[in-house]
Amino acid sequence: MRDKLLKLQVSGTKRMADGRMRVLLGDIILETGCKVPKVLPEQLVELRVKNITEQYVELAWQEKRATGLPPKLMIIPINISPKIRIQLLGQNDLAAKN
């Protein structure tokens, strides 16, 4: 499950009117304090969004029984800077002429 979540990319963020952040991870909308929807059909472990900053999303594993230990955390980095995925033919020639 960890690998599957880490492969998803953050494609958008939004700051709500109350100051909280909302993030689009793949096709999953995440909000602080909310449960993360199941990503695997046989998934037994629940995840909760602990914190969202402009740099990362912090997910906490929900334990079925209280163990007294701090919850395991998973950090998903946020990088929504623009990227060039496809360069069209002829683009190099136009840049050289200018």
PDB file of N, CA and C in Angstrom:
ATOM      1  N   MET A   1       0.824  -1.187   0.000  1.00  0.00           N
ATOM      2  CA  MET A   1       0.000   0.000   0.000  1.00  0.00           C
ATOM      3  C   MET A   1       0.866   1.247   0.000  1.00  0.00           C
ATOM      4  N   ARG A   2       1.947   1.222   0.790  1.00  0.00           N
ATOM      5  CA  ARG A   2       2.848   2.374   0.872  1.00  0.00           C
ATOM      6  C   ARG A   2       3.401   2.714  -0.512  1.00  0.00           C
ATOM      7  N   ASP A   3       3.851   1.689  -1.246  1.00  0.00           N
ATOM      8  CA  ASP A   3       4.415   1.907  -2.576  1.00  0.00           C
ATOM      9  C   ASP A   3       3.385   2.507  -3.526  1.00  0.00           C
ATOM     10  N   LYS A   4       2.162   2.000  -3.456  1.00  0.00           N
ATOM     11  CA  LYS A   4       1.096   2.490  -4.338  1.00  0.00           C
ATOM     12  C   LYS A   4       0.807   3.969  -4.065  1.00  0.00           C
ATOM     13  N   LEU A   5       0.733   4.361  -2.791  1.00  0.00           N
ATOM     14  CA  LEU A   5       0.480   5.762  -2.454  1.00  0.00           C
ATOM     15  C   LEU A   5       1.634   6.665  -2.857  1.00  0.00           C
ATOM     16  N   LEU A   6       2.864   6.190  -2.679  1.00  0.00           N
ATOM     17  CA  LEU A   6       4.025   7.011  -3.026  1.00  0.00           C
ATOM     18  C   LEU A   6       4.180   7.189  -4.535  1.00  0.00           C
ATOM     19  N   LYS A   7       3.601   6.284  -5.330  1.00  0.00           N
ATOM     20  CA  LYS A   7       3.650   6.425  -6.784  1.00  0.00           C
ATOM     21  C   LYS A   7       2.675   7.483  -7.287  1.00  0.00           C
ATOM     22  N   LEU A   8       1.638   7.777  -6.505  1.00  0.00           N
ATOM     23  CA  LEU A   8       0.677   8.808  -6.902  1.00  0.00           C
ATOM     24  C   LEU A   8       1.313  10.182  -6.735  1.00  0.00           C
ATOM     25  N   GLN A   9       1.008  11.086  -7.647  1.00  0.00           N
ATOM     26  CA  GLN A   9       1.558  12.431  -7.571  1.00  0.00           C
ATOM     27  C   GLN A   9       0.500  13.418  -7.125  1.00  0.00           C
ATOM     28  N   VAL A  10       0.937  14.405  -6.378  1.00  0.00           N
ATOM     29  CA  VAL A  10       0.055  15.505  -5.999  1.00  0.00           C
ATOM     30  C   VAL A  10      -0.102  16.388  -7.231  1.00  0.00           C
ATOM     31  N   SER A  11      -1.340  16.549  -7.697  1.00  0.00           N
ATOM     32  CA  SER A  11      -1.572  17.327  -8.908  1.00  0.00           C
ATOM     33  C   SER A  11      -2.270  18.651  -8.629  1.00  0.00           C
ATOM     34  N   GLY A  12      -2.597  18.915  -7.369  1.00  0.00           N
ATOM     35  CA  GLY A  12      -3.216  20.191  -7.047  1.00  0.00           C
ATOM     36  C   GLY A  12      -3.359  20.384  -5.554  1.00  0.00           C
ATOM     37  N   THR A  13      -3.356  21.638  -5.144  1.00  0.00           N
ATOM     38  CA  THR A  13      -3.576  21.994  -3.744  1.00  0.00           C
ATOM     39  C   THR A  13      -4.554  23.152  -3.681  1.00  0.00           C
ATOM     40  N   LYS A  14      -5.226  23.267  -2.546  1.00  0.00           N
ATOM     41  CA  LYS A  14      -6.167  24.375  -2.358  1.00  0.00           C
ATOM     42  C   LYS A  14      -6.181  24.729  -0.889  1.00  0.00           C
ATOM     43  N   ARG A  15      -6.077  26.008  -0.590  1.00  0.00           N
ATOM     44  CA  ARG A  15      -6.210  26.475   0.782  1.00  0.00           C
ATOM     45  C   ARG A  15      -7.672  26.847   1.003  1.00  0.00           C
ATOM     46  N   MET A  16      -8.285  26.227   2.015  1.00  0.00           N
ATOM     47  CA  MET A  16      -9.693  26.456   2.309  1.00  0.00           C
ATOM     48  C   MET A  16      -9.869  27.802   3.023  1.00  0.00           C
ATOM     49  N   ALA A  17     -11.100  28.264   3.138  1.00  0.00           N
ATOM     50  CA  ALA A  17     -11.394  29.541   3.792  1.00  0.00           C
ATOM     51  C   ALA A  17     -10.953  29.549   5.254  1.00  0.00           C
ATOM     52  N   ASP A  18     -10.976  28.388   5.912  1.00  0.00           N
ATOM     53  CA  ASP A  18     -10.567  28.315   7.314  1.00  0.00           C
ATOM     54  C   ASP A  18      -9.054  28.131   7.480  1.00  0.00           C
ATOM     55  N   GLY A  19      -8.291  28.125   6.361  1.00  0.00           N
ATOM     56  CA  GLY A  19      -6.833  28.026   6.423  1.00  0.00           C
ATOM     57  C   GLY A  19      -6.292  26.623   6.218  1.00  0.00           C
ATOM     58  N   ARG A  20      -7.153  25.599   6.293  1.00  0.00           N
ATOM     59  CA  ARG A  20      -6.692  24.224   6.083  1.00  0.00           C
ATOM     60  C   ARG A  20      -6.378  24.010   4.602  1.00  0.00           C
ATOM     61  N   MET A  21      -5.505  23.027   4.355  1.00  0.00           N
ATOM     62  CA  MET A  21      -5.137  22.690   2.981  1.00  0.00           C
ATOM     63  C   MET A  21      -5.907  21.452   2.532  1.00  0.00           C
ATOM     64  N   ARG A  22      -6.201  21.405   1.251  1.00  0.00           N
ATOM     65  CA  ARG A  22      -6.798  20.243   0.595  1.00  0.00           C
ATOM     66  C   ARG A  22      -5.864  19.882  -0.557  1.00  0.00           C
ATOM     67  N   VAL A  23      -5.631  18.582  -0.758  1.00  0.00           N
ATOM     68  CA  VAL A  23      -4.673  18.123  -1.754  1.00  0.00           C
ATOM     69  C   VAL A  23      -5.318  17.067  -2.637  1.00  0.00           C
ATOM     70  N   LEU A  24      -4.993  17.094  -3.925  1.00  0.00           N
ATOM     71  CA  LEU A  24      -5.436  16.058  -4.849  1.00  0.00           C
ATOM     72  C   LEU A  24      -4.242  15.147  -5.113  1.00  0.00           C
ATOM     73  N   LEU A  25      -4.292  13.924  -4.569  1.00  0.00           N
ATOM     74  CA  LEU A  25      -3.246  12.920  -4.722  1.00  0.00           C
ATOM     75  C   LEU A  25      -3.757  11.882  -5.699  1.00  0.00           C
ATOM     76  N   GLY A  26      -3.255  11.917  -6.932  1.00  0.00           N
ATOM     77  CA  GLY A  26      -3.835  11.069  -7.977  1.00  0.00           C
ATOM     78  C   GLY A  26      -5.270  11.510  -8.192  1.00  0.00           C
ATOM     79  N   ASP A  27      -6.233  10.634  -7.920  1.00  0.00           N
ATOM     80  CA  ASP A  27      -7.648  11.016  -7.992  1.00  0.00           C
ATOM     81  C   ASP A  27      -8.298  11.024  -6.605  1.00  0.00           C
ATOM     82  N   ILE A  28      -7.466  11.081  -5.558  1.00  0.00           N
ATOM     83  CA  ILE A  28      -7.950  11.053  -4.174  1.00  0.00           C
ATOM     84  C   ILE A  28      -7.830  12.452  -3.567  1.00  0.00           C
ATOM     85  N   ILE A  29      -8.927  12.961  -3.023  1.00  0.00           N
ATOM     86  CA  ILE A  29      -8.899  14.253  -2.332  1.00  0.00           C
ATOM     87  C   ILE A  29      -8.596  14.006  -0.866  1.00  0.00           C
ATOM     88  N   LEU A  30      -7.554  14.676  -0.349  1.00  0.00           N
ATOM     89  CA  LEU A  30      -7.129  14.518   1.044  1.00  0.00           C
ATOM     90  C   LEU A  30      -7.330  15.812   1.800  1.00  0.00           C
ATOM     91  N   GLU A  31      -7.864  15.698   3.024  1.00  0.00           N
ATOM     92  CA  GLU A  31      -8.022  16.842   3.927  1.00  0.00           C
ATOM     93  C   GLU A  31      -7.524  16.443   5.300  1.00  0.00           C
ATOM     94  N   THR A  32      -6.953  17.401   6.015  1.00  0.00           N
ATOM     95  CA  THR A  32      -6.447  17.135   7.357  1.00  0.00           C
ATOM     96  C   THR A  32      -7.553  16.590   8.248  1.00  0.00           C
ATOM     97  N   GLY A  33      -7.247  15.496   8.965  1.00  0.00           N
ATOM     98  CA  GLY A  33      -8.194  14.885   9.890  1.00  0.00           C
ATOM     99  C   GLY A  33      -9.105  13.843   9.272  1.00  0.00           C
ATOM    100  N   CYS A  34      -9.157  13.764   7.958  1.00  0.00           N
ATOM    101  CA  CYS A  34     -10.047  12.820   7.286  1.00  0.00           C
ATOM    102  C   CYS A  34      -9.341  11.492   7.017  1.00  0.00           C
ATOM    103  N   LYS A  35     -10.144  10.441   6.853  1.00  0.00           N
ATOM    104  CA  LYS A  35      -9.597   9.128   6.494  1.00  0.00           C
ATOM    105  C   LYS A  35      -9.184   9.122   5.031  1.00  0.00           C
ATOM    106  N   VAL A  36      -8.160   8.339   4.727  1.00  0.00           N
ATOM    107  CA  VAL A  36      -7.721   8.138   3.347  1.00  0.00           C
ATOM    108  C   VAL A  36      -8.539   6.974   2.795  1.00  0.00           C
ATOM    109  N   PRO A  37      -9.185   7.140   1.626  1.00  0.00           N
ATOM    110  CA  PRO A  37      -9.938   6.024   1.051  1.00  0.00           C
ATOM    111  C   PRO A  37      -9.020   4.827   0.782  1.00  0.00           C
ATOM    112  N   LYS A  38      -9.597   3.632   0.798  1.00  0.00           N
ATOM    113  CA  LYS A  38      -8.816   2.421   0.542  1.00  0.00           C
ATOM    114  C   LYS A  38      -8.252   2.468  -0.880  1.00  0.00           C
ATOM    115  N   VAL A  39      -6.974   2.059  -1.010  1.00  0.00           N
ATOM    116  CA  VAL A  39      -6.339   2.022  -2.324  1.00  0.00           C
ATOM    117  C   VAL A  39      -6.183   0.589  -2.837  1.00  0.00           C
ATOM    118  N   LEU A  40      -6.368  -0.379  -1.957  1.00  0.00           N
ATOM    119  CA  LEU A  40      -6.321  -1.791  -2.322  1.00  0.00           C
ATOM    120  C   LEU A  40      -7.616  -2.463  -1.894  1.00  0.00           C
ATOM    121  N   PRO A  41      -8.152  -3.376  -2.703  1.00  0.00           N
ATOM    122  CA  PRO A  41      -9.414  -4.023  -2.336  1.00  0.00           C
ATOM    123  C   PRO A  41      -9.338  -4.786  -1.008  1.00  0.00           C
ATOM    124  N   GLU A  42      -8.204  -5.427  -0.724  1.00  0.00           N
ATOM    125  CA  GLU A  42      -8.075  -6.235   0.492  1.00  0.00           C
ATOM    126  C   GLU A  42      -7.420  -5.456   1.642  1.00  0.00           C
ATOM    127  N   GLN A  43      -7.367  -4.151   1.545  1.00  0.00           N
ATOM    128  CA  GLN A  43      -6.701  -3.324   2.549  1.00  0.00           C
ATOM    129  C   GLN A  43      -7.414  -3.402   3.904  1.00  0.00           C
ATOM    130  N   LEU A  44      -6.655  -3.705   4.959  1.00  0.00           N
ATOM    131  CA  LEU A  44      -7.205  -3.779   6.309  1.00  0.00           C
ATOM    132  C   LEU A  44      -6.810  -2.579   7.165  1.00  0.00           C
ATOM    133  N   VAL A  45      -5.691  -1.965   6.853  1.00  0.00           N
ATOM    134  CA  VAL A  45      -5.164  -0.854   7.645  1.00  0.00           C
ATOM    135  C   VAL A  45      -5.824   0.450   7.201  1.00  0.00           C
ATOM    136  N   GLU A  46      -6.183   1.278   8.175  1.00  0.00           N
ATOM    137  CA  GLU A  46      -6.753   2.588   7.869  1.00  0.00           C
ATOM    138  C   GLU A  46      -5.690   3.654   8.031  1.00  0.00           C
ATOM    139  N   LEU A  47      -5.734   4.639   7.142  1.00  0.00           N
ATOM    140  CA  LEU A  47      -4.839   5.789   7.218  1.00  0.00           C
ATOM    141  C   LEU A  47      -5.660   7.035   7.440  1.00  0.00           C
ATOM    142  N   ARG A  48      -5.088   7.982   8.161  1.00  0.00           N
ATOM    143  CA  ARG A  48      -5.728   9.263   8.397  1.00  0.00           C
ATOM    144  C   ARG A  48      -4.736  10.356   8.019  1.00  0.00           C
ATOM    145  N   VAL A  49      -5.227  11.456   7.440  1.00  0.00           N
ATOM    146  CA  VAL A  49      -4.374  12.588   7.094  1.00  0.00           C
ATOM    147  C   VAL A  49      -4.097  13.360   8.373  1.00  0.00           C
ATOM    148  N   LYS A  50      -2.830  13.330   8.798  1.00  0.00           N
ATOM    149  CA  LYS A  50      -2.453  13.999  10.039  1.00  0.00           C
ATOM    150  C   LYS A  50      -2.189  15.481   9.813  1.00  0.00           C
ATOM    151  N   ASN A  51      -1.497  15.797   8.721  1.00  0.00           N
ATOM    152  CA  ASN A  51      -1.116  17.182   8.484  1.00  0.00           C
ATOM    153  C   ASN A  51      -0.857  17.384   6.995  1.00  0.00           C
ATOM    154  N   ILE A  52      -1.167  18.578   6.505  1.00  0.00           N
ATOM    155  CA  ILE A  52      -0.836  18.960   5.134  1.00  0.00           C
ATOM    156  C   ILE A  52      -0.164  20.326   5.200  1.00  0.00           C
ATOM    157  N   THR A  53       1.038  20.404   4.624  1.00  0.00           N
ATOM    158  CA  THR A  53       1.725  21.686   4.499  1.00  0.00           C
ATOM    159  C   THR A  53       1.932  21.950   3.011  1.00  0.00           C
ATOM    160  N   GLU A  54       2.604  23.028   2.681  1.00  0.00           N
ATOM    161  CA  GLU A  54       2.873  23.310   1.280  1.00  0.00           C
ATOM    162  C   GLU A  54       3.989  22.419   0.733  1.00  0.00           C
ATOM    163  N   GLN A  55       4.732  21.729   1.615  1.00  0.00           N
ATOM    164  CA  GLN A  55       5.828  20.870   1.187  1.00  0.00           C
ATOM    165  C   GLN A  55       5.487  19.376   1.198  1.00  0.00           C
ATOM    166  N   TYR A  56       4.553  18.945   2.046  1.00  0.00           N
ATOM    167  CA  TYR A  56       4.288  17.514   2.165  1.00  0.00           C
ATOM    168  C   TYR A  56       2.899  17.239   2.750  1.00  0.00           C
ATOM    169  N   VAL A  57       2.476  15.960   2.552  1.00  0.00           N
ATOM    170  CA  VAL A  57       1.269  15.419   3.179  1.00  0.00           C
ATOM    171  C   VAL A  57       1.753  14.367   4.170  1.00  0.00           C
ATOM    172  N   GLU A  58       1.269  14.434   5.400  1.00  0.00           N
ATOM    173  CA  GLU A  58       1.665  13.486   6.440  1.00  0.00           C
ATOM    174  C   GLU A  58       0.477  12.587   6.768  1.00  0.00           C
ATOM    175  N   LEU A  59       0.661  11.275   6.535  1.00  0.00           N
ATOM    176  CA  LEU A  59      -0.385  10.296   6.805  1.00  0.00           C
ATOM    177  C   LEU A  59       0.002   9.483   8.028  1.00  0.00           C
ATOM    178  N   ALA A  60      -0.977   9.160   8.869  1.00  0.00           N
ATOM    179  CA  ALA A  60      -0.737   8.364  10.075  1.00  0.00           C
ATOM    180  C   ALA A  60      -1.533   7.067   9.978  1.00  0.00           C
ATOM    181  N   TRP A  61      -0.884   5.959  10.339  1.00  0.00           N
ATOM    182  CA  TRP A  61      -1.529   4.650  10.366  1.00  0.00           C
ATOM    183  C   TRP A  61      -2.446   4.597  11.582  1.00  0.00           C
ATOM    184  N   GLN A  62      -3.674   4.135  11.405  1.00  0.00           N
ATOM    185  CA  GLN A  62      -4.629   3.978  12.493  1.00  0.00           C
ATOM    186  C   GLN A  62      -4.507   2.579  13.056  1.00  0.00           C
ATOM    187  N   GLU A  63      -4.186   2.467  14.328  1.00  0.00           N
ATOM    188  CA  GLU A  63      -4.075   1.166  14.985  1.00  0.00           C
ATOM    189  C   GLU A  63      -5.454   0.730  15.478  1.00  0.00           C
ATOM    190  N   LYS A  64      -5.746  -0.557  15.361  1.00  0.00           N
ATOM    191  CA  LYS A  64      -7.033  -1.076  15.840  1.00  0.00           C
ATOM    192  C   LYS A  64      -7.098  -1.062  17.368  1.00  0.00           C
ATOM    193  N   ARG A  65      -5.943  -1.330  18.000  1.00  0.00           N
ATOM    194  CA  ARG A  65      -5.871  -1.296  19.465  1.00  0.00           C
ATOM    195  C   ARG A  65      -4.860  -0.241  19.880  1.00  0.00           C
ATOM    196  N   ALA A  66      -5.140   0.449  20.958  1.00  0.00           N
ATOM    197  CA  ALA A  66      -4.206   1.446  21.465  1.00  0.00           C
ATOM    198  C   ALA A  66      -2.966   0.742  22.011  1.00  0.00           C
ATOM    199  N   THR A  67      -1.803   1.092  21.467  1.00  0.00           N
ATOM    200  CA  THR A  67      -0.561   0.452  21.895  1.00  0.00           C
ATOM    201  C   THR A  67       0.259   1.351  22.804  1.00  0.00           C
ATOM    202  N   GLY A  68      -0.085   2.634  22.853  1.00  0.00           N
ATOM    203  CA  GLY A  68       0.690   3.566  23.650  1.00  0.00           C
ATOM    204  C   GLY A  68       1.884   4.126  22.906  1.00  0.00           C
ATOM    205  N   LEU A  69       2.166   3.580  21.720  1.00  0.00           N
ATOM    206  CA  LEU A  69       3.271   4.066  20.900  1.00  0.00           C
ATOM    207  C   LEU A  69       2.760   5.117  19.920  1.00  0.00           C
ATOM    208  N   PRO A  70       3.633   6.024  19.481  1.00  0.00           N
ATOM    209  CA  PRO A  70       3.189   6.990  18.468  1.00  0.00           C
ATOM    210  C   PRO A  70       2.861   6.268  17.157  1.00  0.00           C
ATOM    211  N   PRO A  71       1.889   6.773  16.394  1.00  0.00           N
ATOM    212  CA  PRO A  71       1.514   6.096  15.148  1.00  0.00           C
ATOM    213  C   PRO A  71       2.638   6.170  14.114  1.00  0.00           C
ATOM    214  N   LYS A  72       2.684   5.155  13.252  1.00  0.00           N
ATOM    215  CA  LYS A  72       3.629   5.178  12.137  1.00  0.00           C
ATOM    216  C   LYS A  72       3.191   6.272  11.181  1.00  0.00           C
ATOM    217  N   LEU A  73       4.163   6.990  10.641  1.00  0.00           N
ATOM    218  CA  LEU A  73       3.857   8.095   9.737  1.00  0.00           C
ATOM    219  C   LEU A  73       4.404   7.821   8.348  1.00  0.00           C
ATOM    220  N   MET A  74       3.746   8.394   7.356  1.00  0.00           N
ATOM    221  CA  MET A  74       4.214   8.334   5.979  1.00  0.00           C
ATOM    222  C   MET A  74       4.153   9.745   5.412  1.00  0.00           C
ATOM    223  N   ILE A  75       5.246  10.188   4.808  1.00  0.00           N
ATOM    224  CA  ILE A  75       5.328  11.530   4.244  1.00  0.00           C
ATOM    225  C   ILE A  75       5.294  11.425   2.718  1.00  0.00           C
ATOM    226  N   ILE A  76       4.388  12.179   2.100  1.00  0.00           N
ATOM    227  CA  ILE A  76       4.308  12.258   0.641  1.00  0.00           C
ATOM    228  C   ILE A  76       4.676  13.681   0.250  1.00  0.00           C
ATOM    229  N   PRO A  77       5.783  13.856  -0.493  1.00  0.00           N
ATOM    230  CA  PRO A  77       6.205  15.212  -0.856  1.00  0.00           C
ATOM    231  C   PRO A  77       5.240  15.859  -1.848  1.00  0.00           C
ATOM    232  N   ILE A  78       5.142  17.178  -1.771  1.00  0.00           N
ATOM    233  CA  ILE A  78       4.325  17.953  -2.705  1.00  0.00           C
ATOM    234  C   ILE A  78       5.264  18.736  -3.605  1.00  0.00           C
ATOM    235  N   ASN A  79       5.172  18.494  -4.903  1.00  0.00           N
ATOM    236  CA  ASN A  79       5.936  19.246  -5.885  1.00  0.00           C
ATOM    237  C   ASN A  79       5.032  19.447  -7.085  1.00  0.00           C
ATOM    238  N   ILE A  80       4.411  20.613  -7.175  1.00  0.00           N
ATOM    239  CA  ILE A  80       3.500  20.868  -8.289  1.00  0.00           C
ATOM    240  C   ILE A  80       4.073  21.908  -9.245  1.00  0.00           C
ATOM    241  N   SER A  81       5.413  21.994  -9.282  1.00  0.00           N
ATOM    242  CA  SER A  81       6.036  22.905 -10.236  1.00  0.00           C
ATOM    243  C   SER A  81       5.790  22.381 -11.648  1.00  0.00           C
ATOM    244  N   PRO A  82       5.675  23.292 -12.625  1.00  0.00           N
ATOM    245  CA  PRO A  82       5.394  22.852 -13.994  1.00  0.00           C
ATOM    246  C   PRO A  82       6.530  22.009 -14.565  1.00  0.00           C
ATOM    247  N   LYS A  83       6.163  21.017 -15.394  1.00  0.00           N
ATOM    248  CA  LYS A  83       7.138  20.126 -16.019  1.00  0.00           C
ATOM    249  C   LYS A  83       6.837  20.038 -17.513  1.00  0.00           C
ATOM    250  N   ILE A  84       7.879  19.906 -18.311  1.00  0.00           N
ATOM    251  CA  ILE A  84       7.708  19.682 -19.745  1.00  0.00           C
ATOM    252  C   ILE A  84       7.710  18.180 -19.963  1.00  0.00           C
ATOM    253  N   ARG A  85       6.596  17.648 -20.431  1.00  0.00           N
ATOM    254  CA  ARG A  85       6.490  16.212 -20.660  1.00  0.00           C
ATOM    255  C   ARG A  85       6.710  15.853 -22.122  1.00  0.00           C
ATOM    256  N   ILE A  86       6.259  16.738 -23.036  1.00  0.00           N
ATOM    257  CA  ILE A  86       6.390  16.477 -24.465  1.00  0.00           C
ATOM    258  C   ILE A  86       6.906  17.743 -25.127  1.00  0.00           C
ATOM    259  N   GLN A  87       7.938  17.596 -25.945  1.00  0.00           N
ATOM    260  CA  GLN A  87       8.441  18.714 -26.724  1.00  0.00           C
ATOM    261  C   GLN A  87       8.072  18.459 -28.174  1.00  0.00           C
ATOM    262  N   LEU A  88       7.349  19.402 -28.768  1.00  0.00           N
ATOM    263  CA  LEU A  88       6.896  19.235 -30.141  1.00  0.00           C
ATOM    264  C   LEU A  88       8.056  19.425 -31.110  1.00  0.00           C
ATOM    265  N   LEU A  89       7.951  18.790 -32.269  1.00  0.00           N
ATOM    266  CA  LEU A  89       8.976  18.927 -33.293  1.00  0.00           C
ATOM    267  C   LEU A  89       9.091  20.381 -33.723  1.00  0.00           C
ATOM    268  N   GLY A  90      10.293  20.825 -34.009  1.00  0.00           N
ATOM    269  CA  GLY A  90      10.504  22.186 -34.484  1.00  0.00           C
ATOM    270  C   GLY A  90      10.743  23.191 -33.379  1.00  0.00           C
ATOM    271  N   GLN A  91      10.571  22.810 -32.149  1.00  0.00           N
ATOM    272  CA  GLN A  91      10.750  23.745 -31.047  1.00  0.00           C
ATOM    273  C   GLN A  91      12.200  24.199 -30.919  1.00  0.00           C
ATOM    274  N   ASN A  92      13.154  23.314 -31.181  1.00  0.00           N
ATOM    275  CA  ASN A  92      14.564  23.695 -31.102  1.00  0.00           C
ATOM    276  C   ASN A  92      14.925  24.718 -32.164  1.00  0.00           C
ATOM    277  N   ASP A  93      14.375  24.598 -33.375  1.00  0.00           N
ATOM    278  CA  ASP A  93      14.660  25.545 -34.455  1.00  0.00           C
ATOM    279  C   ASP A  93      14.123  26.929 -34.143  1.00  0.00           C
ATOM    280  N   LEU A  94      12.930  27.029 -33.551  1.00  0.00           N
ATOM    281  CA  LEU A  94      12.356  28.324 -33.211  1.00  0.00           C
ATOM    282  C   LEU A  94      13.186  29.028 -32.142  1.00  0.00           C
ATOM    283  N   ALA A  95      13.661  28.286 -31.164  1.00  0.00           N
ATOM    284  CA  ALA A  95      14.460  28.882 -30.104  1.00  0.00           C
ATOM    285  C   ALA A  95      15.780  29.400 -30.658  1.00  0.00           C
ATOM    286  N   ALA A  96      16.361  28.717 -31.637  1.00  0.00           N
ATOM    287  CA  ALA A  96      17.645  29.127 -32.199  1.00  0.00           C
ATOM    288  C   ALA A  96      17.504  30.399 -33.035  1.00  0.00           C
ATOM    289  N   LYS A  97      16.353  30.607 -33.690  1.00  0.00           N
ATOM    290  CA  LYS A  97      16.133  31.797 -34.523  1.00  0.00           C
ATOM    291  C   LYS A  97      15.906  33.049 -33.695  1.00  0.00           C
ATOM    292  N   ASN A  98      15.395  32.932 -32.501  1.00  0.00           N
ATOM    293  CA  ASN A  98      15.105  34.110 -31.658  1.00  0.00           C
ATOM    294  C   ASN A  98      16.309  34.493 -30.961  1.00  0.00           C
TER     295      ASN A  98
END
